[in-house]
Amino acid sequence: KEVMEAFLQGYGDDIDAVYAHNDDMAIGAIKAIEDYGLKPGHDIKIVSIDGARIAFEAMLAGKLNATIECNPLLGPGFFDLALKVVNNEEVPKWIKSDEDIFLPHEAAEIMPVREY
């Protein structure tokens, strides 16, 4: 929030978009934009990374324009893969991760089935 407040003080209405590298940062930016008197998601477009529930809530409220998933559920699978490597077991050369881009028009449908 503090960083966005500083950007708004320095650049004000010249800001068109915000990229936040996680959803929590996006929520802070949203609060700062609202405090400044602008409408997040409209006056300033906002995209974040994570795909957490708070991002879906912000999209449903019209304050976030997109979230790009960085799936935390990849960790357990990669841990199992590391154990296989340590134990000299065969591992695939390629492992596809299930991640996606989410937009406001699909937030209401997807949010109830999110695991995080």
Protein backbone atom coordinates (compact mmCIF):
# COMPACT_ATOMS: atom_id res chain seq x y z
CA LYS A 1 0.00 0.00 0.00
CA GLU A 2 2.77 2.41 0.93
CA VAL A 3 4.56 1.95 -2.39
CA MET A 4 1.38 2.61 -4.36
CA GLU A 5 0.69 5.68 -2.23
CA ALA A 6 4.13 7.01 -3.15
CA PHE A 7 3.54 6.31 -6.86
CA LEU A 8 0.20 8.09 -6.69
CA GLN A 9 1.74 11.10 -4.96
CA GLY A 10 4.44 11.28 -7.62
CA TYR A 11 2.49 10.41 -10.75
CA GLY A 12 -1.20 10.63 -9.81
CA ASP A 13 -3.61 10.39 -12.71
CA ASP A 14 -0.81 9.46 -15.14
CA ILE A 15 -0.86 5.87 -13.82
CA ASP A 16 -2.85 3.59 -16.13
CA ALA A 17 -1.96 0.13 -14.83
CA VAL A 18 -0.39 -1.77 -11.94
CA TYR A 19 1.37 -5.12 -12.05
CA ALA A 20 1.62 -6.71 -8.60
CA HIS A 21 3.85 -9.75 -8.20
CA ASN A 22 1.45 -11.23 -5.65
CA ASP A 23 -2.20 -10.84 -4.74
CA ASP A 24 -1.45 -9.26 -1.36
CA MET A 25 0.47 -6.46 -3.08
CA ALA A 26 -2.47 -5.95 -5.42
CA ILE A 27 -4.84 -5.60 -2.46
CA GLY A 28 -2.53 -2.98 -0.94
CA ALA A 29 -2.45 -1.11 -4.25
CA ILE A 30 -6.25 -1.30 -4.47
CA LYS A 31 -6.59 0.27 -1.01
CA ALA A 32 -4.14 3.06 -1.89
CA ILE A 33 -5.94 3.77 -5.17
CA GLU A 34 -9.28 3.98 -3.37
CA ASP A 35 -7.80 6.27 -0.70
CA TYR A 36 -6.49 8.49 -3.51
CA GLY A 37 -10.02 8.80 -4.87
CA LEU A 38 -9.67 6.67 -7.99
CA LYS A 39 -11.53 3.50 -8.88
CA PRO A 40 -9.23 0.43 -8.97
CA GLY A 41 -9.89 -1.88 -11.88
CA HIS A 42 -11.39 1.02 -13.86
CA ASP A 43 -9.29 4.17 -13.54
CA ILE A 44 -6.20 2.03 -13.02
CA LYS A 45 -6.10 -1.53 -14.39
CA ILE A 46 -4.57 -4.07 -11.99
CA VAL A 47 -3.08 -7.52 -12.68
CA SER A 48 -1.59 -9.73 -9.98
CA ILE A 49 0.18 -13.06 -9.56
CA ASP A 50 -0.97 -15.98 -7.38
CA GLY A 51 -4.62 -16.73 -8.07
CA ALA A 52 -5.52 -16.79 -4.38
CA ARG A 53 -9.05 -16.37 -3.02
CA ILE A 54 -8.48 -12.67 -2.22
CA ALA A 55 -7.81 -12.02 -5.91
CA PHE A 56 -11.10 -13.66 -6.89
CA GLU A 57 -12.91 -11.57 -4.28
CA ALA A 58 -11.29 -8.42 -5.68
CA MET A 59 -12.27 -9.41 -9.24
CA LEU A 60 -15.86 -10.01 -8.14
CA ALA A 61 -15.85 -6.54 -6.58
CA GLY A 62 -14.62 -5.07 -9.89
CA LYS A 63 -11.30 -3.95 -8.40
CA LEU A 64 -8.87 -6.41 -10.05
CA ASN A 65 -8.65 -7.07 -13.78
CA ALA A 66 -6.82 -10.41 -13.76
CA THR A 67 -4.77 -12.78 -11.65
CA ILE A 68 -2.20 -15.20 -13.03
CA GLU A 69 -1.94 -18.40 -11.07
CA CYS A 70 1.27 -19.43 -9.36
CA ASN A 71 0.05 -22.70 -7.90
CA PRO A 72 1.35 -23.37 -4.36
CA LEU A 73 0.20 -26.97 -4.69
CA LEU A 74 3.20 -27.61 -6.96
CA GLY A 75 5.44 -27.84 -3.88
CA PRO A 76 4.43 -31.31 -2.64
CA GLY A 77 4.80 -32.79 -6.13
CA PHE A 78 8.23 -31.27 -6.60
CA PHE A 79 9.28 -32.52 -3.17
CA ASP A 80 8.29 -36.06 -4.21
CA LEU A 81 10.24 -35.59 -7.43
CA ALA A 82 13.33 -34.46 -5.49
CA LEU A 83 13.12 -37.58 -3.32
CA LYS A 84 13.06 -39.72 -6.46
CA VAL A 85 16.16 -37.95 -7.76
CA VAL A 86 17.97 -38.43 -4.44
CA ASN A 87 17.01 -42.12 -4.48
CA ASN A 88 18.25 -42.52 -8.06
CA GLU A 89 14.76 -43.30 -9.31
CA GLU A 90 13.73 -42.46 -12.85
CA VAL A 91 11.99 -39.12 -13.30
CA PRO A 92 10.32 -37.60 -16.36
CA LYS A 93 12.24 -35.01 -18.37
CA TRP A 94 9.21 -32.71 -18.48
CA ILE A 95 6.50 -32.06 -15.90
CA LYS A 96 3.64 -29.78 -16.89
CA SER A 97 2.29 -27.56 -14.15
CA ASP A 98 -1.41 -26.75 -14.01
CA GLU A 99 -1.63 -22.98 -13.84
CA ASP A 100 -3.90 -20.50 -15.56
CA ILE A 101 -4.92 -16.90 -16.14
CA PHE A 102 -8.18 -15.86 -14.49
CA LEU A 103 -10.40 -12.95 -15.50
CA PRO A 104 -13.32 -11.27 -13.71
CA HIS A 105 -16.05 -12.82 -15.87
CA GLU A 106 -15.12 -16.31 -14.63
CA ALA A 107 -14.33 -15.48 -11.00
CA ALA A 108 -17.77 -16.33 -9.57
CA GLU A 109 -17.70 -19.79 -11.13
CA ILE A 110 -14.09 -20.65 -10.24
CA MET A 111 -13.75 -19.17 -6.73
CA PRO A 112 -15.89 -21.81 -4.93
CA VAL A 113 -13.65 -24.66 -6.13
CA ARG A 114 -10.30 -23.01 -5.39
CA GLU A 115 -8.11 -24.89 -2.92
CA TYR A 116 -6.28 -21.72 -1.79
